[in-house]
Protein backbone atom coordinates (compact mmCIF):
# COMPACT_ATOMS: atom_id res chain seq x y z
CA MET A 1 45.89 7.80 -28.94
CA SER A 2 46.92 9.82 -25.87
CA ALA A 3 44.52 8.05 -23.48
CA LEU A 4 45.85 4.64 -24.55
CA LEU A 5 49.49 5.65 -24.29
CA ASP A 6 48.93 7.49 -21.00
CA GLY A 7 47.48 4.30 -19.51
CA ILE A 8 50.34 2.15 -20.77
CA ALA A 9 52.86 4.71 -19.49
CA LYS A 10 51.92 3.77 -15.92
CA ASN A 11 53.61 0.41 -16.63
CA ASN A 12 51.19 -1.34 -14.28
CA PHE A 13 48.81 -3.81 -15.92
CA VAL A 14 45.88 -5.96 -14.86
CA VAL A 15 46.03 -9.11 -16.99
CA VAL A 16 42.96 -11.32 -17.35
CA GLY A 17 43.40 -14.97 -18.28
CA ARG A 18 44.95 -18.30 -17.60
CA VAL A 19 48.03 -19.61 -15.87
CA GLY A 20 49.06 -23.21 -16.43
CA MET A 21 51.89 -25.71 -16.11
CA ASP A 22 54.33 -26.16 -18.99
CA LEU A 23 56.20 -29.46 -19.37
CA TYR A 24 59.09 -29.85 -21.81
CA PRO A 25 61.71 -32.58 -22.37
CA ASP A 26 65.40 -32.10 -21.71
CA PRO A 27 67.77 -31.91 -23.52
CA PRO A 28 66.40 -29.78 -26.38
CA GLY A 29 65.65 -31.75 -29.52
CA VAL A 30 64.29 -34.79 -27.66
CA GLY A 31 60.76 -35.91 -28.58
CA VAL A 32 58.16 -36.41 -25.88
CA GLU A 33 57.96 -40.13 -26.57
CA ASP A 34 61.73 -40.48 -26.00
CA ALA A 35 61.99 -38.21 -22.94
CA GLN A 36 63.81 -39.34 -19.83
CA VAL A 37 63.76 -35.93 -18.10
CA ILE A 38 60.93 -33.39 -18.25
CA HIS A 39 61.11 -29.88 -16.83
CA ALA A 40 58.11 -28.05 -15.38
CA ASP A 41 57.56 -24.31 -15.34
CA MET A 42 54.80 -21.75 -15.72
CA GLY A 43 52.76 -21.32 -18.90
CA GLY A 44 49.48 -19.88 -20.09
CA SER A 45 49.32 -16.86 -22.41
CA SER A 46 48.11 -14.27 -19.89
CA ALA A 47 50.48 -15.46 -17.16
CA ASN A 48 53.39 -15.40 -19.63
CA ILE A 49 52.52 -11.84 -20.68
CA ALA A 50 52.36 -10.77 -17.03
CA ALA A 51 55.70 -12.46 -16.22
CA GLY A 52 57.31 -10.92 -19.30
CA ILE A 53 56.17 -7.44 -18.27
CA VAL A 54 57.62 -7.86 -14.77
CA LYS A 55 60.92 -9.24 -16.14
CA LEU A 56 61.20 -6.07 -18.24
CA GLY A 57 60.63 -3.72 -15.31
CA GLY A 58 56.85 -3.33 -15.26
CA GLN A 59 54.16 -4.43 -12.82
CA ALA A 60 51.36 -6.89 -13.50
CA ALA A 61 48.53 -8.58 -11.60
CA LEU A 62 46.76 -11.67 -12.94
CA VAL A 63 43.00 -12.29 -12.67
CA THR A 64 42.06 -15.95 -13.05
CA ARG A 65 41.11 -19.19 -11.32
CA VAL A 66 43.46 -22.07 -10.49
CA SER A 67 42.68 -25.61 -9.38
CA ASP A 68 42.65 -26.19 -5.62
CA ASP A 69 45.36 -28.84 -5.79
CA ALA A 70 49.11 -29.28 -6.10
CA VAL A 71 49.20 -28.10 -9.72
CA GLY A 72 47.27 -24.96 -8.86
CA ARG A 73 49.65 -24.27 -5.99
CA PHE A 74 52.59 -24.86 -8.32
CA CYS A 75 51.18 -22.17 -10.60
CA MET A 76 50.68 -19.79 -7.68
CA ASN A 77 54.28 -20.36 -6.56
CA LYS A 78 55.57 -19.70 -10.06
CA LEU A 79 53.56 -16.49 -10.39
CA ALA A 80 55.14 -15.33 -7.13
CA HIS A 81 58.58 -16.42 -8.40
CA TYR A 82 58.19 -14.19 -11.46
CA GLY A 83 56.88 -11.29 -9.40
CA VAL A 84 53.29 -11.35 -10.69
CA ASP A 85 50.67 -10.05 -8.23
CA THR A 86 48.32 -12.94 -7.28
CA THR A 87 45.81 -10.89 -5.27
CA TYR A 88 43.07 -11.73 -7.79
CA VAL A 89 43.93 -15.40 -8.42
CA THR A 90 41.29 -17.61 -6.78
CA PRO A 91 41.35 -21.41 -6.28
CA VAL A 92 38.39 -23.47 -7.45
CA GLY A 93 37.62 -26.98 -6.14
CA GLY A 94 35.81 -29.96 -7.58
CA GLU A 95 36.96 -31.58 -10.80
CA PHE A 96 38.31 -28.39 -12.40
CA ARG A 97 42.00 -28.54 -13.28
CA ASN A 98 44.75 -26.20 -14.38
CA SER A 99 45.70 -26.49 -18.02
CA LEU A 100 48.84 -28.44 -18.95
CA ALA A 101 50.98 -27.90 -22.04
CA LEU A 102 53.49 -30.56 -23.04
CA TYR A 103 55.75 -29.38 -25.87
CA GLU A 104 59.16 -29.96 -27.36
CA SER A 105 62.20 -27.71 -27.75
CA ARG A 106 62.62 -28.35 -31.44
CA ILE A 107 61.29 -26.93 -34.71
CA GLU A 108 61.38 -29.91 -37.05
CA GLY A 109 58.69 -32.39 -36.03
CA HIS A 110 57.62 -30.14 -33.13
CA GLN A 111 54.76 -31.52 -31.06
CA SER A 112 52.57 -29.67 -28.57
CA VAL A 113 49.96 -31.52 -26.53
CA ILE A 114 47.49 -29.35 -24.61
CA TYR A 115 45.26 -30.60 -21.79
CA ARG A 116 42.27 -28.27 -21.33
CA ASN A 117 39.44 -30.53 -20.13
CA GLY A 118 37.47 -28.96 -17.28
CA ALA A 119 39.87 -26.01 -17.25
CA ALA A 120 39.97 -24.16 -13.94
CA ASP A 121 40.52 -20.75 -15.58
CA PHE A 122 37.18 -21.00 -17.41
CA GLU A 123 35.54 -20.86 -13.96
CA MET A 124 36.51 -17.22 -13.48
CA ASN A 125 33.22 -15.40 -12.84
CA ALA A 126 31.62 -12.00 -12.44
CA ASP A 127 32.48 -11.81 -8.74
CA ASP A 128 36.17 -12.41 -9.50
CA VAL A 129 36.44 -9.48 -11.91
CA ALA A 130 34.22 -7.23 -9.76
CA ALA A 131 36.67 -7.67 -6.86
CA VAL A 132 39.52 -6.02 -8.80
CA ASP A 133 40.54 -2.50 -7.83
CA TYR A 134 40.95 -1.17 -11.37
CA SER A 135 42.10 2.22 -10.11
CA ARG A 136 45.44 0.60 -9.23
CA PHE A 137 46.31 -0.02 -12.86
CA GLY A 138 47.03 1.81 -16.08
CA ALA A 139 45.61 -0.66 -18.61
CA LEU A 140 43.91 -4.05 -18.94
CA ILE A 141 45.38 -6.83 -21.11
CA THR A 142 43.71 -10.08 -22.07
CA ALA A 143 44.22 -12.95 -24.52
CA GLY A 144 41.41 -14.48 -26.55
CA THR A 145 41.21 -17.85 -24.82
CA VAL A 146 39.30 -16.28 -21.91
CA PHE A 147 36.29 -15.93 -24.23
CA ALA A 148 36.13 -19.60 -25.27
CA ALA A 149 33.75 -20.78 -22.51
CA GLU A 150 31.42 -19.60 -19.77
CA PRO A 151 31.48 -18.18 -17.14
CA SER A 152 34.91 -16.81 -18.15
CA ARG A 153 33.51 -15.26 -21.34
CA SER A 154 30.85 -13.15 -19.65
CA ALA A 155 33.19 -12.33 -16.76
CA THR A 156 35.78 -10.93 -19.16
CA PHE A 157 33.22 -8.73 -20.88
CA ASP A 158 32.27 -7.56 -17.37
CA ALA A 159 35.97 -6.81 -16.74
CA PHE A 160 35.99 -4.69 -19.90
CA ALA A 161 33.05 -2.69 -18.55
CA HIS A 162 34.73 -2.21 -15.16
CA ALA A 163 37.97 -1.15 -16.84
CA LYS A 164 36.24 1.37 -19.08
CA LYS A 165 34.40 2.84 -16.11
CA ALA A 166 37.76 3.28 -14.37
CA GLY A 167 39.26 4.90 -17.49
CA LEU A 168 41.57 2.02 -18.38
CA PRO A 169 42.35 1.26 -22.03
CA ILE A 170 41.87 -2.37 -23.11
CA ILE A 171 44.57 -4.30 -24.96
CA PHE A 172 43.60 -7.54 -26.70
CA ASP A 173 45.82 -10.36 -27.99
CA VAL A 174 43.48 -12.35 -30.26
CA ASP A 175 45.32 -15.61 -29.44
CA TYR A 176 42.85 -17.89 -31.23
CA ARG A 177 43.24 -21.53 -30.10
CA PRO A 178 40.71 -23.70 -31.98
CA TYR A 179 40.86 -26.56 -29.45
CA SER A 180 39.36 -24.33 -26.73
CA TRP A 181 36.23 -23.36 -28.65
CA PRO A 182 32.95 -25.26 -29.24
CA THR A 183 32.81 -24.22 -32.93
CA PRO A 184 34.69 -21.85 -35.26
CA GLN A 185 31.45 -19.90 -35.77
CA VAL A 186 31.14 -19.13 -32.06
CA ALA A 187 34.80 -18.13 -31.93
CA GLU A 188 34.46 -15.79 -34.92
CA GLU A 189 31.41 -14.07 -33.42
CA VAL A 190 32.77 -13.70 -29.88
CA LEU A 191 36.31 -12.67 -30.82
CA SER A 192 34.95 -10.07 -33.25
CA ARG A 193 32.69 -8.70 -30.50
CA ALA A 194 35.65 -8.52 -28.12
CA ALA A 195 37.90 -6.82 -30.67
CA ALA A 196 35.28 -4.14 -31.29
CA GLU A 197 35.53 -3.13 -27.59
CA CYS A 198 39.30 -2.80 -27.45
CA ASP A 199 41.69 0.12 -27.80
CA MET A 200 44.62 -1.97 -29.03
CA ILE A 201 44.41 -5.27 -30.89
CA VAL A 202 47.35 -7.59 -31.60
CA GLY A 203 47.00 -10.66 -33.79
CA ASN A 204 48.58 -12.57 -36.61
CA ASP A 205 47.44 -12.73 -40.21
CA GLU A 206 45.52 -15.97 -39.67
CA GLU A 207 43.67 -14.59 -36.64
CA PHE A 208 42.56 -11.42 -38.42
CA GLY A 209 41.62 -13.53 -41.44
CA PHE A 210 39.59 -15.77 -39.18
CA MET A 211 37.65 -12.81 -37.77
CA ALA A 212 37.10 -11.56 -41.31
CA GLY A 213 35.72 -14.93 -42.41
CA ASP A 214 38.44 -15.27 -45.09
CA ILE A 215 42.20 -15.59 -44.62
CA THR A 216 42.78 -13.28 -47.60
CA LYS A 217 40.78 -10.49 -45.94
CA GLY A 218 42.72 -10.31 -42.68
CA LEU A 219 44.69 -7.20 -43.57
CA ASP A 220 41.50 -5.40 -44.57
CA LYS A 221 39.94 -6.46 -41.25
CA ALA A 222 42.88 -4.99 -39.34
CA ARG A 223 42.61 -1.72 -41.27
CA GLU A 224 38.86 -1.60 -40.65
CA LEU A 225 39.26 -2.06 -36.90
CA ALA A 226 41.89 0.70 -36.78
CA ARG A 227 39.61 3.00 -38.76
CA THR A 228 36.44 2.34 -36.75
CA THR A 229 36.99 1.26 -33.14
CA ALA A 230 40.64 0.61 -32.19
CA THR A 231 43.40 3.16 -31.67
CA ILE A 232 46.25 0.78 -32.57
CA VAL A 233 46.09 -2.52 -34.47
CA VAL A 234 49.16 -4.73 -34.90
CA TYR A 235 48.95 -7.21 -37.79
CA LYS A 236 51.73 -9.79 -37.40
CA MET A 237 52.96 -11.77 -40.40
CA GLY A 238 55.50 -14.19 -38.93
CA PRO A 239 58.87 -14.01 -40.73
CA GLU A 240 57.64 -11.07 -42.83
CA GLY A 241 57.32 -8.85 -39.76
CA ALA A 242 54.29 -6.75 -38.90
CA ILE A 243 52.16 -3.86 -40.09
CA THR A 244 50.78 -1.55 -37.42
CA PHE A 245 47.85 0.77 -38.01
CA ALA A 246 47.53 3.88 -35.83
CA GLY A 247 45.41 6.75 -37.07
CA ASP A 248 46.71 7.63 -40.52
CA GLN A 249 49.96 5.73 -39.95
CA GLU A 250 50.87 2.34 -41.40
CA ILE A 251 54.13 1.24 -39.81
CA ALA A 252 55.93 -1.76 -41.34
CA THR A 253 58.56 -3.50 -39.20
CA GLY A 254 60.80 -6.53 -39.63
CA ILE A 255 61.97 -9.24 -37.25
CA TYR A 256 65.23 -10.19 -35.53
CA PRO A 257 66.28 -13.51 -37.11
CA VAL A 258 67.62 -16.18 -34.74
CA ASP A 259 68.15 -19.92 -34.77
CA ALA A 260 64.83 -20.81 -33.16
CA LEU A 261 64.74 -23.69 -30.71
CA LYS A 262 60.95 -23.87 -30.63
CA PRO A 263 57.90 -21.99 -31.98
CA THR A 264 56.13 -21.35 -28.66
CA GLY A 265 56.02 -18.21 -26.51
CA ALA A 266 56.75 -15.64 -29.22
CA GLY A 267 53.39 -13.86 -29.09
CA ASP A 268 53.37 -13.51 -25.30
CA SER A 269 56.88 -12.08 -25.21
CA PHE A 270 56.09 -9.75 -28.12
CA MET A 271 53.21 -8.28 -26.12
CA ALA A 272 55.34 -7.87 -22.99
CA GLY A 273 58.13 -6.19 -24.93
CA MET A 274 55.82 -3.85 -26.79
CA MET A 275 53.91 -2.79 -23.65
CA THR A 276 57.01 -2.07 -21.60
CA GLY A 277 58.64 -0.37 -24.59
CA LEU A 278 55.74 2.06 -24.88
CA ALA A 279 55.75 2.51 -21.09
CA HIS A 280 59.42 3.49 -21.26
CA GLY A 281 58.71 6.15 -23.86
CA LEU A 282 59.73 4.44 -27.09
CA THR A 283 58.00 5.41 -30.30
CA LEU A 284 55.35 3.00 -31.55
CA GLN A 285 57.78 1.67 -34.16
CA GLY A 286 60.49 1.28 -31.54
CA ALA A 287 58.19 -0.54 -29.16
CA ILE A 288 57.06 -2.96 -31.87
CA LEU A 289 60.68 -3.74 -32.74
CA ARG A 290 61.38 -4.24 -29.03
CA GLY A 291 58.52 -6.74 -28.93
CA SER A 292 59.96 -8.53 -31.96
CA ALA A 293 63.36 -8.75 -30.26
CA CYS A 294 61.73 -10.21 -27.14
CA ALA A 295 59.96 -12.82 -29.27
CA SER A 296 63.28 -13.83 -30.84
CA VAL A 297 64.92 -14.19 -27.42
CA THR A 298 62.09 -16.44 -26.21
CA VAL A 299 62.01 -18.84 -29.17
CA SER A 300 65.77 -19.35 -28.91
CA LYS A 301 65.59 -20.87 -25.40
CA PRO A 302 63.70 -23.73 -23.70
CA GLY A 303 60.42 -22.95 -21.91
CA CYS A 304 58.19 -19.91 -22.17
CA ALA A 305 58.18 -17.86 -18.96
CA PRO A 306 61.78 -18.82 -18.08
CA ALA A 307 62.92 -18.01 -21.63
CA MET A 308 61.44 -14.50 -21.67
CA ALA A 309 63.95 -11.67 -21.62
CA THR A 310 64.92 -9.56 -18.66
CA THR A 311 65.99 -5.99 -19.40
CA HIS A 312 69.66 -7.02 -19.18
CA VAL A 313 69.19 -9.99 -21.53
CA LEU A 314 67.25 -7.87 -24.02
CA GLU A 315 69.85 -5.08 -24.03
CA LYS A 316 72.64 -7.63 -24.57
CA PHE A 317 70.68 -9.27 -27.42
CA LEU A 318 70.09 -5.93 -29.14
CA SER A 319 73.73 -4.87 -28.76
CA GLU A 320 74.99 -8.09 -30.35
CA HIS A 321 72.34 -8.64 -33.05
CA PRO A 322 72.96 -7.08 -36.49
CA GLY A 323 69.43 -5.68 -36.52
CA PRO A 324 65.95 -6.39 -37.85
CA THR A 325 65.12 -7.50 -41.36
CA LYS A 326 63.48 -5.19 -43.84
CA PRO A 327 59.69 -5.42 -43.55
CA GLY A 328 57.94 -7.88 -45.82
CA LYS A 329 55.04 -6.95 -48.03
CA ALA A 330 51.52 -8.16 -47.20
């Protein structure tokens, strides 16, 4: 446990994975097909996590590829806007393109349309991850989409090896997106292999169930990983909260209820809040609750990266909110 927490305590993370462009209609509640105005901002799970960490007082550098075009430059500009280090973000030419996510700021009838054909981030290769100075950082974070295609898959496993050699713990958000993978069988095999190499694993009940081969066995899978390979495993259950396994501990936590505007961005902000909470010396339970509060802030506002909490926003939210729910039972 100490090696993992010591790494996180440095509050300086190398984050491996995609950055993309998010598009969402304005005003909130409008469907895509009826939109007259559409806003653009930064998206992509890894980029959102990195931006969320910086907004909460940490440091983060992203490792990925972007398209060598106006959309790729838009993403680079947005990373700089949010204070994310772009030293290891490399343009790629040809027909490769940054991912686009078009989604609505509404819960009922919510639609998300993802464009991932010829994704530029999947072109991240062994040279890209070898160029990183891992000694600069305290921990490596990645989200599962990086493993969905080559050369990104092999490059990320290489990044794991480089990180371990440098003494960095590895933190893994399972983040299973079926549309990115060739088959569910490949996803199950590769994500399970990745999870077995990580010090901390964060996923929801469906993702752990997927890795276990049966949705009803997800909780057992999380317990098994905590018992055998991982130091901390966070098993998220949506409105029922989360169960976290750490050594002999099983920590149940609730959520901070809000009137959600949209379902997107919660997982990325949860990770950012939990990482910076641990870095600032909170207990594991306190950091998980901080992550839950960050998720609630994000789903209550339009966009993902722009909706993620700053320290001031988070402190105001916590001071005004009546507090988390009692944990649900899995």
